[in-house]
């Protein structure tokens, strides 16, 4: 009797979870492909000339739980400014 209940519970659990394991059907796959193609078309239409708006975020460089040093933060600032200048120059060249 105990083995029968274990087998029955296993069959019911497998039967309940089978649709979740099976995966998407053909209609869902077609909808996913259409959405993917539409997003690819949109990304191709967007001009890549503009620089992405970025904001410099520096880790904590003081206190008992400092994550970095002031010198490393200064280097990060210089690199960020150089990156932004290079982006601006390439944007001007493209126009």
PDB file of N, CA and C in Angstrom:
ATOM      1  N   UNK A   1       0.818  -1.191   0.000  1.00  0.00           N
ATOM      2  CA  UNK A   1       0.000   0.000   0.000  1.00  0.00           C
ATOM      3  C   UNK A   1       0.864   1.258   0.000  1.00  0.00           C
ATOM      4  N   UNK A   2       1.967   1.231   0.781  1.00  0.00           N
ATOM      5  CA  UNK A   2       2.850   2.393   0.888  1.00  0.00           C
ATOM      6  C   UNK A   2       3.555   2.651  -0.443  1.00  0.00           C
ATOM      7  N   UNK A   3       4.011   1.589  -1.111  1.00  0.00           N
ATOM      8  CA  UNK A   3       4.674   1.745  -2.403  1.00  0.00           C
ATOM      9  C   UNK A   3       3.711   2.285  -3.452  1.00  0.00           C
ATOM     10  N   UNK A   4       2.472   1.860  -3.379  1.00  0.00           N
ATOM     11  CA  UNK A   4       1.461   2.327  -4.316  1.00  0.00           C
ATOM     12  C   UNK A   4       1.231   3.832  -4.154  1.00  0.00           C
ATOM     13  N   UNK A   5       1.190   4.306  -2.929  1.00  0.00           N
ATOM     14  CA  UNK A   5       1.005   5.736  -2.692  1.00  0.00           C
ATOM     15  C   UNK A   5       2.209   6.539  -3.187  1.00  0.00           C
ATOM     16  N   UNK A   6       3.400   6.017  -3.009  1.00  0.00           N
ATOM     17  CA  UNK A   6       4.607   6.709  -3.476  1.00  0.00           C
ATOM     18  C   UNK A   6       4.612   6.784  -4.991  1.00  0.00           C
ATOM     19  N   UNK A   7       4.273   5.674  -5.635  1.00  0.00           N
ATOM     20  CA  UNK A   7       4.219   5.654  -7.106  1.00  0.00           C
ATOM     21  C   UNK A   7       3.136   6.602  -7.606  1.00  0.00           C
ATOM     22  N   UNK A   8       1.980   6.580  -6.986  1.00  0.00           N
ATOM     23  CA  UNK A   8       0.877   7.446  -7.384  1.00  0.00           C
ATOM     24  C   UNK A   8       1.246   8.924  -7.209  1.00  0.00           C
ATOM     25  N   UNK A   9       1.887   9.261  -6.108  1.00  0.00           N
ATOM     26  CA  UNK A   9       2.312  10.651  -5.875  1.00  0.00           C
ATOM     27  C   UNK A   9       3.352  11.068  -6.912  1.00  0.00           C
ATOM     28  N   UNK A  10       4.262  10.180  -7.258  1.00  0.00           N
ATOM     29  CA  UNK A  10       5.266  10.485  -8.274  1.00  0.00           C
ATOM     30  C   UNK A  10       4.652  10.705  -9.646  1.00  0.00           C
ATOM     31  N   UNK A  11       3.699   9.872 -10.021  1.00  0.00           N
ATOM     32  CA  UNK A  11       3.035  10.011 -11.312  1.00  0.00           C
ATOM     33  C   UNK A  11       2.237  11.310 -11.365  1.00  0.00           C
ATOM     34  N   UNK A  12       1.529  11.634 -10.302  1.00  0.00           N
ATOM     35  CA  UNK A  12       0.762  12.881 -10.266  1.00  0.00           C
ATOM     36  C   UNK A  12       1.675  14.108 -10.319  1.00  0.00           C
ATOM     37  N   UNK A  13       2.788  14.058  -9.630  1.00  0.00           N
ATOM     38  CA  UNK A  13       3.738  15.173  -9.662  1.00  0.00           C
ATOM     39  C   UNK A  13       4.334  15.338 -11.046  1.00  0.00           C
ATOM     40  N   UNK A  14       4.727  14.255 -11.659  1.00  0.00           N
ATOM     41  CA  UNK A  14       5.269  14.315 -13.017  1.00  0.00           C
ATOM     42  C   UNK A  14       4.223  14.819 -14.001  1.00  0.00           C
ATOM     43  N   UNK A  15       2.995  14.360 -13.866  1.00  0.00           N
ATOM     44  CA  UNK A  15       1.914  14.804 -14.741  1.00  0.00           C
ATOM     45  C   UNK A  15       1.616  16.292 -14.573  1.00  0.00           C
ATOM     46  N   UNK A  16       1.709  16.796 -13.362  1.00  0.00           N
ATOM     47  CA  UNK A  16       1.447  18.216 -13.119  1.00  0.00           C
ATOM     48  C   UNK A  16       2.587  19.086 -13.640  1.00  0.00           C
ATOM     49  N   UNK A  17       3.818  18.589 -13.594  1.00  0.00           N
ATOM     50  CA  UNK A  17       4.975  19.377 -14.018  1.00  0.00           C
ATOM     51  C   UNK A  17       5.343  19.192 -15.486  1.00  0.00           C
ATOM     52  N   UNK A  18       4.738  18.257 -16.163  1.00  0.00           N
ATOM     53  CA  UNK A  18       5.083  17.981 -17.548  1.00  0.00           C
ATOM     54  C   UNK A  18       4.875  19.185 -18.474  1.00  0.00           C
ATOM     55  N   UNK A  19       3.778  19.942 -18.375  1.00  0.00           N
ATOM     56  CA  UNK A  19       3.642  21.112 -19.252  1.00  0.00           C
ATOM     57  C   UNK A  19       4.734  22.160 -19.025  1.00  0.00           C
ATOM     58  N   UNK A  20       5.218  22.298 -17.819  1.00  0.00           N
ATOM     59  CA  UNK A  20       6.273  23.270 -17.541  1.00  0.00           C
ATOM     60  C   UNK A  20       7.607  22.809 -18.112  1.00  0.00           C
ATOM     61  N   UNK A  21       7.830  21.511 -18.158  1.00  0.00           N
ATOM     62  CA  UNK A  21       9.078  20.964 -18.675  1.00  0.00           C
ATOM     63  C   UNK A  21       9.088  20.962 -20.196  1.00  0.00           C
ATOM     64  N   UNK A  22       7.912  20.864 -20.805  1.00  0.00           N
ATOM     65  CA  UNK A  22       7.812  20.682 -22.253  1.00  0.00           C
ATOM     66  C   UNK A  22       8.377  21.854 -23.038  1.00  0.00           C
ATOM     67  N   UNK A  23       8.265  23.085 -22.543  1.00  0.00           N
ATOM     68  CA  UNK A  23       8.794  24.235 -23.258  1.00  0.00           C
ATOM     69  C   UNK A  23       7.725  24.915 -24.092  1.00  0.00           C
ATOM     70  N   UNK A  24       8.105  25.966 -24.816  1.00  0.00           N
ATOM     71  CA  UNK A  24       7.129  26.728 -25.586  1.00  0.00           C
ATOM     72  C   UNK A  24       6.672  25.972 -26.831  1.00  0.00           C
ATOM     73  N   UNK A  25       5.447  26.256 -27.247  1.00  0.00           N
ATOM     74  CA  UNK A  25       4.956  25.614 -28.466  1.00  0.00           C
ATOM     75  C   UNK A  25       5.359  26.429 -29.692  1.00  0.00           C
ATOM     76  N   UNK A  26       4.939  26.000 -30.871  1.00  0.00           N
ATOM     77  CA  UNK A  26       5.376  26.612 -32.128  1.00  0.00           C
ATOM     78  C   UNK A  26       4.903  28.057 -32.231  1.00  0.00           C
ATOM     79  N   UNK A  27       3.665  28.334 -31.815  1.00  0.00           N
ATOM     80  CA  UNK A  27       3.151  29.707 -31.898  1.00  0.00           C
ATOM     81  C   UNK A  27       3.954  30.657 -31.009  1.00  0.00           C
ATOM     82  N   UNK A  28       4.311  30.185 -29.835  1.00  0.00           N
ATOM     83  CA  UNK A  28       5.113  31.018 -28.944  1.00  0.00           C
ATOM     84  C   UNK A  28       6.499  31.245 -29.528  1.00  0.00           C
ATOM     85  N   UNK A  29       7.087  30.234 -30.145  1.00  0.00           N
ATOM     86  CA  UNK A  29       8.400  30.397 -30.757  1.00  0.00           C
ATOM     87  C   UNK A  29       8.349  31.392 -31.904  1.00  0.00           C
ATOM     88  N   UNK A  30       7.292  31.365 -32.698  1.00  0.00           N
ATOM     89  CA  UNK A  30       7.159  32.325 -33.788  1.00  0.00           C
ATOM     90  C   UNK A  30       7.017  33.742 -33.258  1.00  0.00           C
ATOM     91  N   UNK A  31       6.257  33.913 -32.171  1.00  0.00           N
ATOM     92  CA  UNK A  31       6.097  35.239 -31.575  1.00  0.00           C
ATOM     93  C   UNK A  31       7.429  35.740 -31.016  1.00  0.00           C
ATOM     94  N   UNK A  32       8.195  34.841 -30.417  1.00  0.00           N
ATOM     95  CA  UNK A  32       9.503  35.226 -29.882  1.00  0.00           C
ATOM     96  C   UNK A  32      10.434  35.647 -31.009  1.00  0.00           C
ATOM     97  N   UNK A  33      10.414  34.918 -32.123  1.00  0.00           N
ATOM     98  CA  UNK A  33      11.264  35.266 -33.269  1.00  0.00           C
ATOM     99  C   UNK A  33      10.873  36.612 -33.867  1.00  0.00           C
ATOM    100  N   UNK A  34       9.559  36.872 -33.993  1.00  0.00           N
ATOM    101  CA  UNK A  34       9.108  38.166 -34.523  1.00  0.00           C
ATOM    102  C   UNK A  34       9.556  39.305 -33.627  1.00  0.00           C
ATOM    103  N   UNK A  35       9.435  39.130 -32.323  1.00  0.00           N
ATOM    104  CA  UNK A  35       9.863  40.159 -31.380  1.00  0.00           C
ATOM    105  C   UNK A  35      11.357  40.385 -31.475  1.00  0.00           C
ATOM    106  N   UNK A  36      12.117  39.320 -31.598  1.00  0.00           N
ATOM    107  CA  UNK A  36      13.567  39.426 -31.702  1.00  0.00           C
ATOM    108  C   UNK A  36      13.967  40.171 -32.970  1.00  0.00           C
ATOM    109  N   UNK A  37      13.324  39.845 -34.098  1.00  0.00           N
ATOM    110  CA  UNK A  37      13.622  40.532 -35.348  1.00  0.00           C
ATOM    111  C   UNK A  37      13.254  42.002 -35.271  1.00  0.00           C
ATOM    112  N   UNK A  38      12.137  42.316 -34.620  1.00  0.00           N
ATOM    113  CA  UNK A  38      11.720  43.717 -34.496  1.00  0.00           C
ATOM    114  C   UNK A  38      12.713  44.509 -33.659  1.00  0.00           C
ATOM    115  N   UNK A  39      13.210  43.927 -32.591  1.00  0.00           N
ATOM    116  CA  UNK A  39      14.186  44.641 -31.764  1.00  0.00           C
ATOM    117  C   UNK A  39      15.504  44.811 -32.504  1.00  0.00           C
ATOM    118  N   UNK A  40      15.893  43.822 -33.310  1.00  0.00           N
ATOM    119  CA  UNK A  40      17.111  43.966 -34.102  1.00  0.00           C
ATOM    120  C   UNK A  40      16.966  45.085 -35.125  1.00  0.00           C
ATOM    121  N   UNK A  41      15.795  45.183 -35.760  1.00  0.00           N
ATOM    122  CA  UNK A  41      15.564  46.243 -36.732  1.00  0.00           C
ATOM    123  C   UNK A  41      15.613  47.612 -36.061  1.00  0.00           C
ATOM    124  N   UNK A  42      15.063  47.713 -34.864  1.00  0.00           N
ATOM    125  CA  UNK A  42      15.074  48.994 -34.154  1.00  0.00           C
ATOM    126  C   UNK A  42      16.488  49.398 -33.767  1.00  0.00           C
ATOM    127  N   UNK A  43      17.297  48.442 -33.337  1.00  0.00           N
ATOM    128  CA  UNK A  43      18.659  48.787 -32.939  1.00  0.00           C
ATOM    129  C   UNK A  43      19.502  49.175 -34.141  1.00  0.00           C
ATOM    130  N   UNK A  44      19.193  48.626 -35.320  1.00  0.00           N
ATOM    131  CA  UNK A  44      19.932  49.007 -36.513  1.00  0.00           C
ATOM    132  C   UNK A  44      19.578  50.420 -36.945  1.00  0.00           C
ATOM    133  N   UNK A  45      18.347  50.857 -36.678  1.00  0.00           N
ATOM    134  CA  UNK A  45      17.921  52.190 -37.088  1.00  0.00           C
ATOM    135  C   UNK A  45      18.479  53.293 -36.195  1.00  0.00           C
ATOM    136  N   UNK A  46      18.818  52.973 -34.960  1.00  0.00           N
ATOM    137  CA  UNK A  46      19.308  53.988 -34.022  1.00  0.00           C
ATOM    138  C   UNK A  46      20.719  54.391 -34.428  1.00  0.00           C
ATOM    139  N   UNK A  47      20.965  55.674 -34.642  1.00  0.00           N
ATOM    140  CA  UNK A  47      22.321  56.086 -34.991  1.00  0.00           C
ATOM    141  C   UNK A  47      23.262  55.939 -33.800  1.00  0.00           C
ATOM    142  N   UNK A  48      24.452  55.493 -34.069  1.00  0.00           N
ATOM    143  CA  UNK A  48      25.431  55.250 -33.020  1.00  0.00           C
ATOM    144  C   UNK A  48      26.382  56.435 -32.851  1.00  0.00           C
ATOM    145  N   UNK A  49      25.989  57.612 -33.327  1.00  0.00           N
ATOM    146  CA  UNK A  49      26.885  58.750 -33.313  1.00  0.00           C
ATOM    147  C   UNK A  49      27.000  59.396 -31.938  1.00  0.00           C
ATOM    148  N   UNK A  50      25.962  59.343 -31.166  1.00  0.00           N
ATOM    149  CA  UNK A  50      25.975  60.030 -29.879  1.00  0.00           C
ATOM    150  C   UNK A  50      26.696  59.212 -28.823  1.00  0.00           C
ATOM    151  N   UNK A  51      27.301  59.924 -27.917  1.00  0.00           N
ATOM    152  CA  UNK A  51      27.942  59.257 -26.779  1.00  0.00           C
ATOM    153  C   UNK A  51      26.870  58.891 -25.763  1.00  0.00           C
ATOM    154  N   UNK A  52      27.028  57.759 -25.167  1.00  0.00           N
ATOM    155  CA  UNK A  52      26.078  57.343 -24.148  1.00  0.00           C
ATOM    156  C   UNK A  52      26.251  58.234 -22.922  1.00  0.00           C
ATOM    157  N   UNK A  53      25.156  58.726 -22.362  1.00  0.00           N
ATOM    158  CA  UNK A  53      25.290  59.570 -21.175  1.00  0.00           C
ATOM    159  C   UNK A  53      25.758  58.729 -19.993  1.00  0.00           C
ATOM    160  N   UNK A  54      26.896  59.071 -19.492  1.00  0.00           N
ATOM    161  CA  UNK A  54      27.471  58.330 -18.376  1.00  0.00           C
ATOM    162  C   UNK A  54      27.696  59.280 -17.208  1.00  0.00           C
ATOM    163  N   UNK A  55      27.721  58.719 -16.045  1.00  0.00           N
ATOM    164  CA  UNK A  55      28.015  59.485 -14.851  1.00  0.00           C
ATOM    165  C   UNK A  55      29.114  58.747 -14.097  1.00  0.00           C
ATOM    166  N   UNK A  56      30.088  59.484 -13.657  1.00  0.00           N
ATOM    167  CA  UNK A  56      31.202  58.882 -12.944  1.00  0.00           C
ATOM    168  C   UNK A  56      30.775  58.562 -11.516  1.00  0.00           C
ATOM    169  N   UNK A  57      30.938  57.316 -11.126  1.00  0.00           N
ATOM    170  CA  UNK A  57      30.626  56.874  -9.767  1.00  0.00           C
ATOM    171  C   UNK A  57      31.907  56.315  -9.174  1.00  0.00           C
ATOM    172  N   UNK A  58      32.363  56.953  -8.128  1.00  0.00           N
ATOM    173  CA  UNK A  58      33.621  56.543  -7.503  1.00  0.00           C
ATOM    174  C   UNK A  58      33.353  55.770  -6.222  1.00  0.00           C
ATOM    175  N   UNK A  59      34.126  54.716  -5.957  1.00  0.00           N
ATOM    176  CA  UNK A  59      33.989  53.997  -4.692  1.00  0.00           C
ATOM    177  C   UNK A  59      34.510  54.840  -3.529  1.00  0.00           C
ATOM    178  N   UNK A  60      34.110  54.471  -2.359  1.00  0.00           N
ATOM    179  CA  UNK A  60      34.489  55.189  -1.143  1.00  0.00           C
ATOM    180  C   UNK A  60      35.998  55.111  -0.925  1.00  0.00           C
ATOM    181  N   UNK A  61      36.641  56.270  -0.729  1.00  0.00           N
ATOM    182  CA  UNK A  61      38.099  56.284  -0.574  1.00  0.00           C
ATOM    183  C   UNK A  61      38.550  56.782   0.797  1.00  0.00           C
ATOM    184  N   UNK A  62      37.659  56.780   1.764  1.00  0.00           N
ATOM    185  CA  UNK A  62      38.048  57.209   3.102  1.00  0.00           C
ATOM    186  C   UNK A  62      37.195  56.460   4.131  1.00  0.00           C
ATOM    187  N   UNK A  63      37.606  56.509   5.370  1.00  0.00           N
ATOM    188  CA  UNK A  63      36.848  55.867   6.433  1.00  0.00           C
ATOM    189  C   UNK A  63      37.354  54.471   6.744  1.00  0.00           C
ATOM    190  N   UNK A  64      36.716  53.817   7.712  1.00  0.00           N
ATOM    191  CA  UNK A  64      37.181  52.499   8.154  1.00  0.00           C
ATOM    192  C   UNK A  64      36.939  51.391   7.124  1.00  0.00           C
ATOM    193  N   UNK A  65      35.995  51.595   6.219  1.00  0.00           N
ATOM    194  CA  UNK A  65      35.706  50.562   5.218  1.00  0.00           C
ATOM    195  C   UNK A  65      35.946  51.093   3.813  1.00  0.00           C
ATOM    196  N   UNK A  66      37.048  51.736   3.630  1.00  0.00           N
ATOM    197  CA  UNK A  66      37.375  52.305   2.322  1.00  0.00           C
ATOM    198  C   UNK A  66      37.569  51.195   1.304  1.00  0.00           C
ATOM    199  N   UNK A  67      36.999  51.399   0.118  1.00  0.00           N
ATOM    200  CA  UNK A  67      37.085  50.389  -0.933  1.00  0.00           C
ATOM    201  C   UNK A  67      38.228  50.663  -1.890  1.00  0.00           C
ATOM    202  N   UNK A  68      38.775  51.858  -1.860  1.00  0.00           N
ATOM    203  CA  UNK A  68      39.850  52.226  -2.769  1.00  0.00           C
ATOM    204  C   UNK A  68      40.678  53.330  -2.118  1.00  0.00           C
ATOM    205  N   UNK A  69      41.611  53.882  -2.880  1.00  0.00           N
ATOM    206  CA  UNK A  69      42.443  54.975  -2.363  1.00  0.00           C
ATOM    207  C   UNK A  69      42.131  56.248  -3.154  1.00  0.00           C
ATOM    208  N   UNK A  70      42.462  57.419  -2.584  1.00  0.00           N
ATOM    209  CA  UNK A  70      42.250  58.662  -3.324  1.00  0.00           C
ATOM    210  C   UNK A  70      43.013  58.697  -4.645  1.00  0.00           C
ATOM    211  N   UNK A  71      44.187  58.094  -4.676  1.00  0.00           N
ATOM    212  CA  UNK A  71      44.981  58.074  -5.905  1.00  0.00           C
ATOM    213  C   UNK A  71      44.260  57.301  -7.016  1.00  0.00           C
ATOM    214  N   UNK A  72      43.703  56.149  -6.674  1.00  0.00           N
ATOM    215  CA  UNK A  72      42.975  55.360  -7.670  1.00  0.00           C
ATOM    216  C   UNK A  72      41.725  56.097  -8.146  1.00  0.00           C
ATOM    217  N   UNK A  73      41.064  56.820  -7.249  1.00  0.00           N
ATOM    218  CA  UNK A  73      39.911  57.606  -7.669  1.00  0.00           C
ATOM    219  C   UNK A  73      40.324  58.726  -8.618  1.00  0.00           C
ATOM    220  N   UNK A  74      41.467  59.322  -8.357  1.00  0.00           N
ATOM    221  CA  UNK A  74      41.967  60.373  -9.248  1.00  0.00           C
ATOM    222  C   UNK A  74      42.255  59.786 -10.641  1.00  0.00           C
ATOM    223  N   UNK A  75      42.854  58.594 -10.689  1.00  0.00           N
ATOM    224  CA  UNK A  75      43.096  57.939 -11.968  1.00  0.00           C
ATOM    225  C   UNK A  75      41.786  57.633 -12.701  1.00  0.00           C
ATOM    226  N   UNK A  76      40.770  57.210 -11.947  1.00  0.00           N
ATOM    227  CA  UNK A  76      39.470  56.930 -12.555  1.00  0.00           C
ATOM    228  C   UNK A  76      38.872  58.199 -13.164  1.00  0.00           C
ATOM    229  N   UNK A  77      39.012  59.325 -12.443  1.00  0.00           N
ATOM    230  CA  UNK A  77      38.499  60.595 -12.965  1.00  0.00           C
ATOM    231  C   UNK A  77      39.194  60.975 -14.261  1.00  0.00           C
ATOM    232  N   UNK A  78      40.512  60.824 -14.300  1.00  0.00           N
ATOM    233  CA  UNK A  78      41.274  61.180 -15.499  1.00  0.00           C
ATOM    234  C   UNK A  78      40.877  60.286 -16.666  1.00  0.00           C
ATOM    235  N   UNK A  79      40.747  58.986 -16.407  1.00  0.00           N
ATOM    236  CA  UNK A  79      40.349  58.056 -17.469  1.00  0.00           C
ATOM    237  C   UNK A  79      38.947  58.364 -17.986  1.00  0.00           C
ATOM    238  N   UNK A  80      38.043  58.692 -17.068  1.00  0.00           N
ATOM    239  CA  UNK A  80      36.673  59.008 -17.459  1.00  0.00           C
ATOM    240  C   UNK A  80      36.637  60.262 -18.329  1.00  0.00           C
ATOM    241  N   UNK A  81      37.377  61.297 -17.928  1.00  0.00           N
ATOM    242  CA  UNK A  81      37.418  62.523 -18.720  1.00  0.00           C
ATOM    243  C   UNK A  81      38.032  62.266 -20.097  1.00  0.00           C
ATOM    244  N   UNK A  82      39.077  61.444 -20.153  1.00  0.00           N
ATOM    245  CA  UNK A  82      39.693  61.124 -21.437  1.00  0.00           C
ATOM    246  C   UNK A  82      38.721  60.347 -22.327  1.00  0.00           C
ATOM    247  N   UNK A  83      37.979  59.432 -21.743  1.00  0.00           N
ATOM    248  CA  UNK A  83      37.008  58.659 -22.504  1.00  0.00           C
ATOM    249  C   UNK A  83      35.904  59.562 -23.053  1.00  0.00           C
ATOM    250  N   UNK A  84      35.425  60.486 -22.235  1.00  0.00           N
ATOM    251  CA  UNK A  84      34.377  61.399 -22.692  1.00  0.00           C
ATOM    252  C   UNK A  84      34.894  62.334 -23.788  1.00  0.00           C
ATOM    253  N   UNK A  85      36.118  62.799 -23.662  1.00  0.00           N
ATOM    254  CA  UNK A  85      36.701  63.671 -24.696  1.00  0.00           C
ATOM    255  C   UNK A  85      36.849  62.896 -26.012  1.00  0.00           C
ATOM    256  N   UNK A  86      37.310  61.658 -25.943  1.00  0.00           N
ATOM    257  CA  UNK A  86      37.470  60.842 -27.151  1.00  0.00           C
ATOM    258  C   UNK A  86      36.116  60.600 -27.811  1.00  0.00           C
ATOM    259  N   UNK A  87      35.101  60.377 -27.020  1.00  0.00           N
ATOM    260  CA  UNK A  87      33.769  60.150 -27.563  1.00  0.00           C
ATOM    261  C   UNK A  87      33.256  61.414 -28.244  1.00  0.00           C
ATOM    262  N   UNK A  88      33.455  62.559 -27.608  1.00  0.00           N
ATOM    263  CA  UNK A  88      33.018  63.818 -28.198  1.00  0.00           C
ATOM    264  C   UNK A  88      33.755  64.083 -29.506  1.00  0.00           C
ATOM    265  N   UNK A  89      35.051  63.795 -29.537  1.00  0.00           N
ATOM    266  CA  UNK A  89      35.837  64.043 -30.752  1.00  0.00           C
ATOM    267  C   UNK A  89      35.362  63.130 -31.892  1.00  0.00           C
ATOM    268  N   UNK A  90      35.090  61.879 -31.592  1.00  0.00           N
ATOM    269  CA  UNK A  90      34.613  60.982 -32.657  1.00  0.00           C
ATOM    270  C   UNK A  90      33.226  61.386 -33.135  1.00  0.00           C
ATOM    271  N   UNK A  91      32.392  61.899 -32.223  1.00  0.00           N
ATOM    272  CA  UNK A  91      31.069  62.356 -32.631  1.00  0.00           C
ATOM    273  C   UNK A  91      31.162  63.573 -33.542  1.00  0.00           C
ATOM    274  N   UNK A  92      32.127  64.460 -33.253  1.00  0.00           N
ATOM    275  CA  UNK A  92      32.312  65.650 -34.087  1.00  0.00           C
ATOM    276  C   UNK A  92      32.864  65.239 -35.461  1.00  0.00           C
ATOM    277  N   UNK A  93      33.771  64.266 -35.498  1.00  0.00           N
ATOM    278  CA  UNK A  93      34.347  63.801 -36.756  1.00  0.00           C
ATOM    279  C   UNK A  93      33.296  63.150 -37.649  1.00  0.00           C
ATOM    280  N   UNK A  94      32.345  62.463 -37.054  1.00  0.00           N
ATOM    281  CA  UNK A  94      31.323  61.780 -37.836  1.00  0.00           C
ATOM    282  C   UNK A  94      30.362  62.762 -38.498  1.00  0.00           C
ATOM    283  N   UNK A  95      30.193  63.916 -37.893  1.00  0.00           N
ATOM    284  CA  UNK A  95      29.261  64.890 -38.456  1.00  0.00           C
ATOM    285  C   UNK A  95      29.922  65.614 -39.555  1.00  0.00           C
TER     286      UNK A  95
END
